[in-house]
């Protein structure tokens, strides 16, 4: 229950997200008091350097370089973890929980790998652990899936959950830039980390998908369960061809519940322009949820940045403040099922767009089609282009297993009439999955 002094918040980290959240809490004090019925104040902030200039206006004594001063301060009710990574974040969060403090975090990496340990500790201590900002920045998605859709069965989650890669693919589509050129522009505008590999190779999206899948299907999914492929191999020719066929290329995060088995994968995909996700541009994110009863829902907005993500953090702090005024708790871990049964990658059902460089001679199409047929993969459309050394076949398949497609690609690479398997991209959002 709330005490008479109000609610005090301590921060671990005051970077882009932590700094924005601390600023919002201090600038919106009156609105937050009106919404919660209690004063909510920032009491302590642990930082790496006391000399750094920050946007948040607080007394110098608020800042410390020792995170234990936040964890061990008996007057602090809520700890906001905004340092990221596994350690020391894990140790500090567990320390805060052990001290009876509620925790708000945006740490997708920690939740996607060790979330079970953290959530069990919070449940055992009877404190809230909220993480709306861990997926989708300022987009409300965690709470709606936990609470608003609690009466439904989610069948599928399909989303663009990484702004950096979406910006790169948007540039490639709209300006014709190469991957390297678009990445360079993203770096120039500050949309990437010093090392962009977590975004480019799909690690960031995989961690977010693991969190979403765990909530959607009420079974623990970790980042290592997610099949992952980044966008580094997507060329300007792929994006151009997709546009000509009426598609956009996006890095999609896809999770499905099929006969009690969960399939989770992150990969570049061709999305029809008629699908809502195709119009998600630049650094924006969107999550498309398919419920058994509620049908198709889409959550759209800014998926990163200090302001949007900081606002999501503050939203969690506000929820905890409301809970403390009435003695309630937020929904805890919703993974009531045993460890998720992960569907083998080869059994995932997918479609592909395939481009082959082929010999310019009679019988080529028949030979290629025979390979697809031998593995039970049917062809939805085929287009022949060029002559001589420029001869190509571009095909889109009907739905078949990932394993059947991969076996087909392997045989095509050894087929005499095929010079090279130039490109292959999955096709999503057509309604045939």
Protein backbone atom coordinates (compact mmCIF):
# COMPACT_ATOMS: atom_id res chain seq x y z
CA UNK A 1 0.00 0.00 0.00
CA UNK A 2 1.07 3.58 -0.59
CA UNK A 3 2.61 5.53 2.26
CA UNK A 4 1.95 9.21 3.02
CA UNK A 5 5.18 10.47 1.47
CA UNK A 6 4.13 9.58 -2.06
CA UNK A 7 5.97 7.30 -4.45
CA UNK A 8 9.68 7.59 -5.14
CA UNK A 9 11.34 6.34 -8.32
CA UNK A 10 14.99 5.38 -8.78
CA UNK A 11 16.71 5.05 -12.14
CA UNK A 12 19.50 2.74 -13.23
CA UNK A 13 20.85 4.61 -16.25
CA UNK A 14 20.04 8.01 -17.69
CA UNK A 15 20.79 7.61 -21.39
CA UNK A 16 18.39 8.14 -24.26
CA UNK A 17 15.51 6.16 -22.75
CA UNK A 18 16.22 6.64 -19.04
CA UNK A 19 16.87 10.33 -19.49
CA UNK A 20 13.65 10.84 -21.44
CA UNK A 21 11.61 8.93 -18.84
CA UNK A 22 13.14 10.92 -15.96
CA UNK A 23 12.46 14.18 -17.82
CA UNK A 24 8.82 13.24 -18.48
CA UNK A 25 8.29 12.31 -14.84
CA UNK A 26 9.67 15.64 -13.66
CA UNK A 27 7.92 17.79 -16.28
CA UNK A 28 4.52 16.06 -16.01
CA UNK A 29 4.37 15.95 -12.22
CA UNK A 30 0.94 17.58 -11.88
CA UNK A 31 -0.70 15.47 -14.62
CA UNK A 32 0.70 12.28 -13.11
CA UNK A 33 -0.54 13.25 -9.66
CA UNK A 34 -4.02 13.88 -11.09
CA UNK A 35 -3.99 10.51 -12.86
CA UNK A 36 -2.73 8.48 -9.93
CA UNK A 37 -3.89 10.41 -6.90
CA UNK A 38 -0.38 10.47 -5.49
CA UNK A 39 2.85 12.42 -5.92
CA UNK A 40 5.42 10.51 -7.99
CA UNK A 41 8.98 11.84 -7.75
CA UNK A 42 12.40 10.91 -9.12
CA UNK A 43 14.60 10.43 -6.06
CA UNK A 44 17.83 8.82 -7.27
CA UNK A 45 19.56 8.18 -10.61
CA UNK A 46 22.61 5.99 -11.10
CA UNK A 47 24.85 7.12 -13.98
CA UNK A 48 28.31 6.36 -15.32
CA UNK A 49 29.55 9.94 -15.18
CA UNK A 50 28.47 12.82 -12.97
CA UNK A 51 30.07 15.32 -15.34
CA UNK A 52 27.82 14.65 -18.33
CA UNK A 53 25.20 17.28 -19.16
CA UNK A 54 21.62 15.98 -19.18
CA UNK A 55 18.22 17.31 -20.22
CA UNK A 56 16.51 16.31 -16.99
CA UNK A 57 16.56 19.10 -14.40
CA UNK A 58 17.18 17.64 -10.97
CA UNK A 59 19.46 18.54 -8.04
CA UNK A 60 23.03 17.30 -8.42
CA UNK A 61 22.61 15.19 -5.29
CA UNK A 62 20.03 13.10 -7.15
CA UNK A 63 22.79 11.51 -9.25
CA UNK A 64 25.22 8.82 -8.16
CA UNK A 65 27.72 6.52 -9.83
CA UNK A 66 26.85 3.65 -7.48
CA UNK A 67 23.75 1.70 -8.61
CA UNK A 68 23.53 0.04 -5.19
CA UNK A 69 22.52 3.41 -3.76
CA UNK A 70 19.36 3.10 -5.84
CA UNK A 71 18.73 -0.56 -5.04
CA UNK A 72 19.39 -0.21 -1.31
CA UNK A 73 17.57 3.09 -0.72
CA UNK A 74 14.58 2.15 1.49
CA UNK A 75 12.62 5.21 0.37
CA UNK A 76 12.54 4.13 -3.30
CA UNK A 77 9.40 2.23 -4.32
CA UNK A 78 9.98 1.73 -8.06
CA UNK A 79 13.25 1.04 -9.89
CA UNK A 80 13.51 1.82 -13.61
CA UNK A 81 16.26 -0.24 -15.26
CA UNK A 82 17.53 1.58 -18.35
CA UNK A 83 21.09 0.32 -18.76
CA UNK A 84 20.35 -2.63 -21.08
CA UNK A 85 22.27 -5.85 -21.64
CA UNK A 86 22.38 -8.92 -19.42
CA UNK A 87 24.79 -7.99 -16.65
CA UNK A 88 24.81 -6.06 -14.40
CA UNK A 89 21.14 -5.43 -15.28
CA UNK A 90 20.06 -8.92 -14.17
CA UNK A 91 21.84 -8.71 -10.82
CA UNK A 92 20.51 -5.21 -10.13
CA UNK A 93 16.91 -6.05 -11.05
CA UNK A 94 16.96 -9.16 -8.86
CA UNK A 95 18.44 -7.05 -6.05
CA UNK A 96 15.66 -4.51 -6.41
CA UNK A 97 13.01 -7.23 -6.38
CA UNK A 98 14.58 -8.85 -3.31
CA UNK A 99 14.33 -5.46 -1.60
CA UNK A 100 10.61 -5.39 -2.33
CA UNK A 101 10.79 -2.76 -5.06
CA UNK A 102 8.66 -2.76 -8.19
CA UNK A 103 10.60 -2.78 -11.46
CA UNK A 104 10.09 -1.18 -14.86
CA UNK A 105 12.44 -2.16 -17.68
CA UNK A 106 12.86 -1.76 -21.43
CA UNK A 107 15.51 -4.50 -21.54
CA UNK A 108 14.39 -6.81 -24.35
CA UNK A 109 17.66 -8.76 -24.40
CA UNK A 110 17.37 -9.70 -20.73
CA UNK A 111 13.67 -10.53 -20.90
CA UNK A 112 14.10 -12.65 -24.06
CA UNK A 113 16.85 -14.75 -22.48
CA UNK A 114 16.33 -14.78 -18.72
CA UNK A 115 12.78 -13.46 -18.45
CA UNK A 116 11.53 -16.55 -16.64
CA UNK A 117 13.98 -16.09 -13.78
CA UNK A 118 13.16 -12.39 -13.41
CA UNK A 119 9.38 -12.90 -13.58
CA UNK A 120 9.41 -15.77 -11.10
CA UNK A 121 11.39 -13.62 -8.66
CA UNK A 122 8.87 -10.77 -9.04
CA UNK A 123 5.90 -13.10 -8.52
CA UNK A 124 7.53 -14.64 -5.44
CA UNK A 125 8.20 -11.18 -3.97
CA UNK A 126 4.71 -9.92 -4.80
CA UNK A 127 5.97 -6.94 -6.82
CA UNK A 128 5.20 -5.68 -10.31
CA UNK A 129 7.59 -6.20 -13.23
CA UNK A 130 6.42 -4.12 -16.21
CA UNK A 131 8.11 -3.84 -19.60
CA UNK A 132 5.83 -2.09 -22.10
CA UNK A 133 8.84 -0.27 -23.59
CA UNK A 134 10.73 -3.49 -24.37
CA UNK A 135 8.86 -3.99 -27.66
CA UNK A 136 7.75 -1.32 -30.09
CA UNK A 137 9.01 1.76 -28.23
CA UNK A 138 5.97 3.96 -27.67
CA UNK A 139 3.48 1.52 -29.25
CA UNK A 140 1.10 0.03 -26.65
CA UNK A 141 1.35 -3.69 -27.39
CA UNK A 142 2.37 -5.62 -24.23
CA UNK A 143 -0.57 -4.51 -22.09
CA UNK A 144 -3.20 -4.89 -24.85
CA UNK A 145 -2.02 -8.44 -25.54
CA UNK A 146 -1.89 -9.34 -21.85
CA UNK A 147 -5.16 -7.71 -20.87
CA UNK A 148 -7.38 -6.59 -23.75
CA UNK A 149 -6.92 -9.87 -25.65
CA UNK A 150 -7.03 -12.09 -22.56
CA UNK A 151 -10.46 -13.34 -23.64
CA UNK A 152 -9.30 -14.34 -27.11
CA UNK A 153 -6.90 -16.86 -28.60
CA UNK A 154 -4.13 -15.28 -30.64
CA UNK A 155 -3.30 -17.34 -33.71
CA UNK A 156 -0.59 -15.24 -35.30
CA UNK A 157 1.63 -12.23 -34.69
CA UNK A 158 3.22 -10.53 -37.69
CA UNK A 159 5.23 -7.37 -37.30
CA UNK A 160 7.89 -4.84 -38.20
CA UNK A 161 9.67 -4.39 -34.88
CA UNK A 162 13.02 -2.87 -35.85
CA UNK A 163 13.08 0.72 -37.05
CA UNK A 164 16.65 0.72 -38.36
CA UNK A 165 16.09 -2.09 -40.85
CA UNK A 166 12.72 -0.66 -41.86
CA UNK A 167 14.39 2.68 -42.62
CA UNK A 168 17.06 0.95 -44.72
CA UNK A 169 14.52 -1.08 -46.71
CA UNK A 170 12.34 2.01 -47.20
CA UNK A 171 15.31 3.91 -48.64
CA UNK A 172 16.17 1.03 -50.95
CA UNK A 173 12.58 0.90 -52.17
CA UNK A 174 11.93 4.61 -52.61
CA UNK A 175 15.33 5.88 -53.79
CA UNK A 176 16.86 2.80 -55.40
CA UNK A 177 19.86 2.94 -53.06
CA UNK A 178 21.96 -0.14 -52.43
CA UNK A 179 21.99 -1.77 -49.00
CA UNK A 180 25.36 -0.17 -48.19
CA UNK A 181 24.16 3.29 -49.25
CA UNK A 182 20.95 3.04 -47.21
CA UNK A 183 22.87 1.76 -44.18
CA UNK A 184 25.25 4.71 -44.50
CA UNK A 185 22.31 7.13 -44.47
CA UNK A 186 20.87 5.42 -41.39
CA UNK A 187 24.22 5.81 -39.65
CA UNK A 188 24.46 9.47 -40.67
CA UNK A 189 21.03 10.20 -39.20
CA UNK A 190 21.87 8.39 -35.94
CA UNK A 191 19.38 5.56 -36.40
CA UNK A 192 21.98 2.85 -35.78
CA UNK A 193 24.14 1.83 -32.84
CA UNK A 194 27.92 2.01 -33.10
CA UNK A 195 27.72 -1.67 -34.09
CA UNK A 196 24.56 -2.08 -36.21
CA UNK A 197 24.81 -5.87 -36.42
CA UNK A 198 22.10 -6.48 -33.77
CA UNK A 199 19.65 -4.69 -36.06
CA UNK A 200 20.98 -5.81 -39.44
CA UNK A 201 21.33 -9.48 -38.51
CA UNK A 202 17.91 -9.66 -36.84
CA UNK A 203 18.99 -10.19 -33.20
CA UNK A 204 17.00 -7.19 -31.96
CA UNK A 205 13.84 -8.29 -33.77
CA UNK A 206 14.26 -11.89 -32.57
CA UNK A 207 14.42 -10.80 -28.93
CA UNK A 208 11.27 -8.71 -29.33
CA UNK A 209 9.46 -11.56 -31.10
CA UNK A 210 10.34 -13.97 -28.29
CA UNK A 211 8.63 -11.62 -25.83
CA UNK A 212 5.57 -11.16 -28.04
CA UNK A 213 5.24 -14.89 -28.73
CA UNK A 214 5.48 -15.73 -25.01
CA UNK A 215 2.60 -13.38 -24.26
CA UNK A 216 0.53 -14.26 -27.32
CA UNK A 217 0.65 -18.01 -26.75
CA UNK A 218 1.10 -18.13 -22.95
CA UNK A 219 4.21 -20.28 -23.24
CA UNK A 220 7.82 -19.33 -22.67
CA UNK A 221 9.69 -18.55 -25.90
CA UNK A 222 13.32 -17.41 -25.70
CA UNK A 223 15.42 -15.61 -28.28
CA UNK A 224 17.26 -18.83 -29.16
CA UNK A 225 13.97 -20.39 -30.27
CA UNK A 226 13.55 -17.81 -33.04
CA UNK A 227 14.72 -18.68 -36.54
CA UNK A 228 16.69 -15.60 -37.61
CA UNK A 229 17.87 -14.13 -40.91
CA UNK A 230 18.94 -10.51 -41.40
CA UNK A 231 18.73 -8.13 -44.35
CA UNK A 232 22.40 -7.91 -45.37
CA UNK A 233 21.80 -10.16 -48.41
CA UNK A 234 18.85 -8.13 -49.70
CA UNK A 235 19.98 -6.33 -52.86
CA UNK A 236 18.60 -3.35 -54.72
CA UNK A 237 17.51 -5.72 -57.51
CA UNK A 238 15.41 -7.72 -55.01
CA UNK A 239 13.63 -4.61 -53.79
CA UNK A 240 13.08 -3.31 -57.32
CA UNK A 241 11.66 -6.64 -58.50
CA UNK A 242 9.36 -6.79 -55.49
CA UNK A 243 7.96 -3.35 -56.30
CA UNK A 244 7.37 -4.34 -59.91
CA UNK A 245 5.38 -7.34 -58.70
CA UNK A 246 3.30 -5.27 -56.28
CA UNK A 247 5.22 -6.05 -53.08
CA UNK A 248 7.42 -4.26 -50.53
CA UNK A 249 10.36 -5.95 -48.80
CA UNK A 250 10.24 -5.80 -45.00
CA UNK A 251 12.11 -7.48 -42.16
CA UNK A 252 9.21 -9.34 -40.58
CA UNK A 253 8.89 -10.99 -37.20
CA UNK A 254 6.37 -13.84 -37.44
CA UNK A 255 5.04 -16.08 -34.67
CA UNK A 256 2.29 -18.68 -35.14
CA UNK A 257 0.59 -21.29 -33.02
CA UNK A 258 -0.02 -24.36 -35.17
CA UNK A 259 -1.55 -27.42 -33.50
CA UNK A 260 0.00 -26.51 -30.17
CA UNK A 261 3.44 -25.91 -31.62
CA UNK A 262 4.93 -22.42 -31.87
CA UNK A 263 6.77 -21.26 -34.96
CA UNK A 264 8.81 -18.08 -34.50
CA UNK A 265 10.97 -16.55 -37.20
CA UNK A 266 12.55 -13.26 -38.30
CA UNK A 267 13.51 -12.76 -41.93
CA UNK A 268 13.19 -10.37 -44.89
CA UNK A 269 9.90 -10.95 -46.69
CA UNK A 270 7.91 -9.67 -49.62
CA UNK A 271 4.61 -8.18 -48.40
CA UNK A 272 1.78 -7.30 -50.84
CA UNK A 273 1.19 -3.56 -51.10
CA UNK A 274 -2.44 -4.23 -50.18
CA UNK A 275 -1.36 -5.42 -46.71
CA UNK A 276 -1.26 -2.72 -43.97
CA UNK A 277 2.34 -3.59 -43.06
CA UNK A 278 3.53 -2.67 -46.56
CA UNK A 279 2.81 1.01 -45.90
CA UNK A 280 4.87 1.16 -42.68
CA UNK A 281 7.80 3.41 -43.66
CA UNK A 282 11.07 4.73 -42.28
CA UNK A 283 11.72 4.05 -38.57
CA UNK A 284 8.09 3.29 -37.72
CA UNK A 285 7.07 -0.08 -36.29
CA UNK A 286 3.81 -2.02 -36.51
CA UNK A 287 2.52 -5.26 -35.03
CA UNK A 288 -0.30 -7.14 -36.75
CA UNK A 289 -2.19 -9.51 -34.44
CA UNK A 290 -4.68 -12.12 -35.63
CA UNK A 291 -7.13 -13.28 -32.96
CA UNK A 292 -9.53 -16.19 -33.24
CA UNK A 293 -12.48 -14.01 -32.20
CA UNK A 294 -11.31 -10.41 -32.59
CA UNK A 295 -9.86 -10.91 -36.06
CA UNK A 296 -7.08 -8.71 -37.39
CA UNK A 297 -5.68 -5.86 -35.29
CA UNK A 298 -2.72 -3.57 -36.01
CA UNK A 299 -0.68 -1.52 -33.54
CA UNK A 300 1.35 1.21 -35.24
CA UNK A 301 3.70 3.98 -34.14
CA UNK A 302 7.25 5.07 -33.40
CA UNK A 303 9.16 1.99 -32.40
CA UNK A 304 12.19 3.73 -30.92
CA UNK A 305 13.55 7.05 -29.70
CA UNK A 306 13.82 8.68 -26.31
CA UNK A 307 10.42 10.38 -26.26
CA UNK A 308 8.19 7.47 -27.36
CA UNK A 309 10.08 4.82 -25.38
CA UNK A 310 10.43 7.08 -22.35
CA UNK A 311 6.67 7.70 -22.41
CA UNK A 312 6.07 3.94 -22.39
CA UNK A 313 8.36 3.61 -19.36
CA UNK A 314 6.47 6.37 -17.56
CA UNK A 315 3.20 4.66 -18.44
CA UNK A 316 4.40 1.60 -16.53
CA UNK A 317 5.44 3.76 -13.57
CA UNK A 318 1.97 5.34 -13.57
CA UNK A 319 0.33 1.89 -13.55
CA UNK A 320 2.44 0.84 -10.57
CA UNK A 321 1.56 4.10 -8.79
CA UNK A 322 -2.13 3.38 -9.30
CA UNK A 323 -1.66 -0.16 -8.01
CA UNK A 324 0.11 1.14 -4.91
CA UNK A 325 -2.75 3.51 -4.09
CA UNK A 326 -5.25 0.64 -3.92
CA UNK A 327 -3.04 -2.29 -2.97
CA UNK A 328 -3.41 -4.06 -6.32
CA UNK A 329 -0.99 -5.68 -8.74
CA UNK A 330 -0.60 -5.79 -12.50
CA UNK A 331 -0.87 -9.00 -14.48
CA UNK A 332 2.32 -10.94 -13.86
CA UNK A 333 3.82 -13.70 -15.98
CA UNK A 334 1.15 -15.08 -18.31
CA UNK A 335 3.16 -18.12 -19.45
CA UNK A 336 0.96 -20.62 -17.64
CA UNK A 337 1.78 -23.38 -20.12
CA UNK A 338 4.91 -25.48 -19.88
CA UNK A 339 7.98 -24.59 -21.92
CA UNK A 340 6.87 -23.79 -25.46
CA UNK A 341 6.83 -26.63 -27.98
CA UNK A 342 8.82 -25.05 -30.79
CA UNK A 343 7.90 -26.24 -34.23
CA UNK A 344 10.95 -27.53 -36.15
CA UNK A 345 12.14 -24.98 -38.67
CA UNK A 346 11.74 -27.38 -41.58
CA UNK A 347 8.03 -27.79 -40.77
CA UNK A 348 7.18 -24.07 -40.99
CA UNK A 349 4.84 -23.42 -43.89
CA UNK A 350 6.05 -20.62 -46.16
CA UNK A 351 6.01 -19.20 -49.68
CA UNK A 352 9.05 -18.01 -51.61
CA UNK A 353 10.01 -15.66 -54.41
CA UNK A 354 12.96 -17.19 -56.30
CA UNK A 355 15.16 -15.78 -59.05
CA UNK A 356 17.32 -18.15 -61.10
CA UNK A 357 19.97 -17.32 -63.67
CA UNK A 358 19.47 -20.00 -66.32
CA UNK A 359 20.75 -21.17 -69.69
CA UNK A 360 18.90 -19.75 -72.67
CA UNK A 361 17.74 -22.99 -74.28
CA UNK A 362 14.59 -25.08 -74.75
CA UNK A 363 13.45 -27.25 -71.84
CA UNK A 364 14.81 -25.05 -69.05
CA UNK A 365 11.42 -24.20 -67.54
CA UNK A 366 10.37 -27.84 -67.68
CA UNK A 367 13.55 -28.95 -65.90
CA UNK A 368 13.18 -26.31 -63.20
CA UNK A 369 9.50 -27.08 -62.68
CA UNK A 370 10.37 -30.75 -62.35
CA UNK A 371 12.66 -30.04 -59.41
CA UNK A 372 9.93 -28.07 -57.62
CA UNK A 373 7.41 -30.85 -58.30
CA UNK A 374 9.76 -33.54 -57.01
CA UNK A 375 9.66 -31.92 -53.56
CA UNK A 376 5.94 -31.18 -53.55
CA UNK A 377 6.36 -27.42 -54.04
CA UNK A 378 3.90 -26.00 -56.55
CA UNK A 379 4.56 -22.83 -58.54
CA UNK A 380 2.02 -19.97 -58.31
CA UNK A 381 3.59 -17.78 -60.99
CA UNK A 382 6.65 -17.70 -63.24
CA UNK A 383 8.23 -14.96 -65.32
CA UNK A 384 10.98 -15.38 -67.91
CA UNK A 385 13.21 -12.41 -68.69
CA UNK A 386 16.33 -11.69 -70.75
CA UNK A 387 18.23 -13.75 -73.28
CA UNK A 388 21.66 -15.30 -73.52
CA UNK A 389 23.75 -14.75 -70.39
CA UNK A 390 20.99 -12.48 -69.00
CA UNK A 391 18.27 -15.15 -69.06
CA UNK A 392 16.43 -15.47 -65.75
CA UNK A 393 13.40 -17.18 -64.28
CA UNK A 394 11.48 -15.49 -61.46
CA UNK A 395 9.02 -17.72 -59.61
CA UNK A 396 6.64 -17.42 -56.67
CA UNK A 397 5.62 -20.64 -54.95
CA UNK A 398 2.47 -21.74 -53.21
CA UNK A 399 2.67 -22.61 -49.51
CA UNK A 400 4.86 -25.59 -48.65
CA UNK A 401 7.18 -26.49 -45.80
CA UNK A 402 10.47 -24.73 -45.26
CA UNK A 403 12.21 -28.07 -45.54
CA UNK A 404 10.67 -28.80 -48.95
CA UNK A 405 11.73 -25.36 -50.19
CA UNK A 406 15.28 -25.73 -48.95
CA UNK A 407 15.60 -29.17 -50.55
CA UNK A 408 14.33 -27.66 -53.80
CA UNK A 409 16.88 -24.83 -53.64
CA UNK A 410 19.68 -27.29 -53.00
CA UNK A 411 18.75 -29.37 -56.05
CA UNK A 412 18.33 -26.26 -58.23
CA UNK A 413 21.88 -25.17 -57.42
CA UNK A 414 23.09 -28.49 -58.85
CA UNK A 415 20.83 -28.48 -61.89
CA UNK A 416 22.74 -28.28 -65.20
CA UNK A 417 20.49 -25.60 -66.71
CA UNK A 418 20.76 -23.30 -63.67
CA UNK A 419 23.76 -20.98 -63.57
CA UNK A 420 22.99 -19.45 -60.18
CA UNK A 421 20.28 -19.14 -57.57
CA UNK A 422 20.35 -15.35 -57.59
CA UNK A 423 17.78 -14.54 -54.95
CA UNK A 424 15.19 -16.04 -52.65
CA UNK A 425 12.82 -14.16 -50.36
CA UNK A 426 9.87 -15.41 -48.36
CA UNK A 427 6.43 -14.05 -49.20
CA UNK A 428 4.09 -13.18 -46.32
CA UNK A 429 0.76 -11.49 -45.78
CA UNK A 430 -1.02 -12.94 -48.80
CA UNK A 431 -3.68 -14.80 -46.85
CA UNK A 432 -2.38 -18.16 -48.10
CA UNK A 433 -0.10 -18.87 -45.13
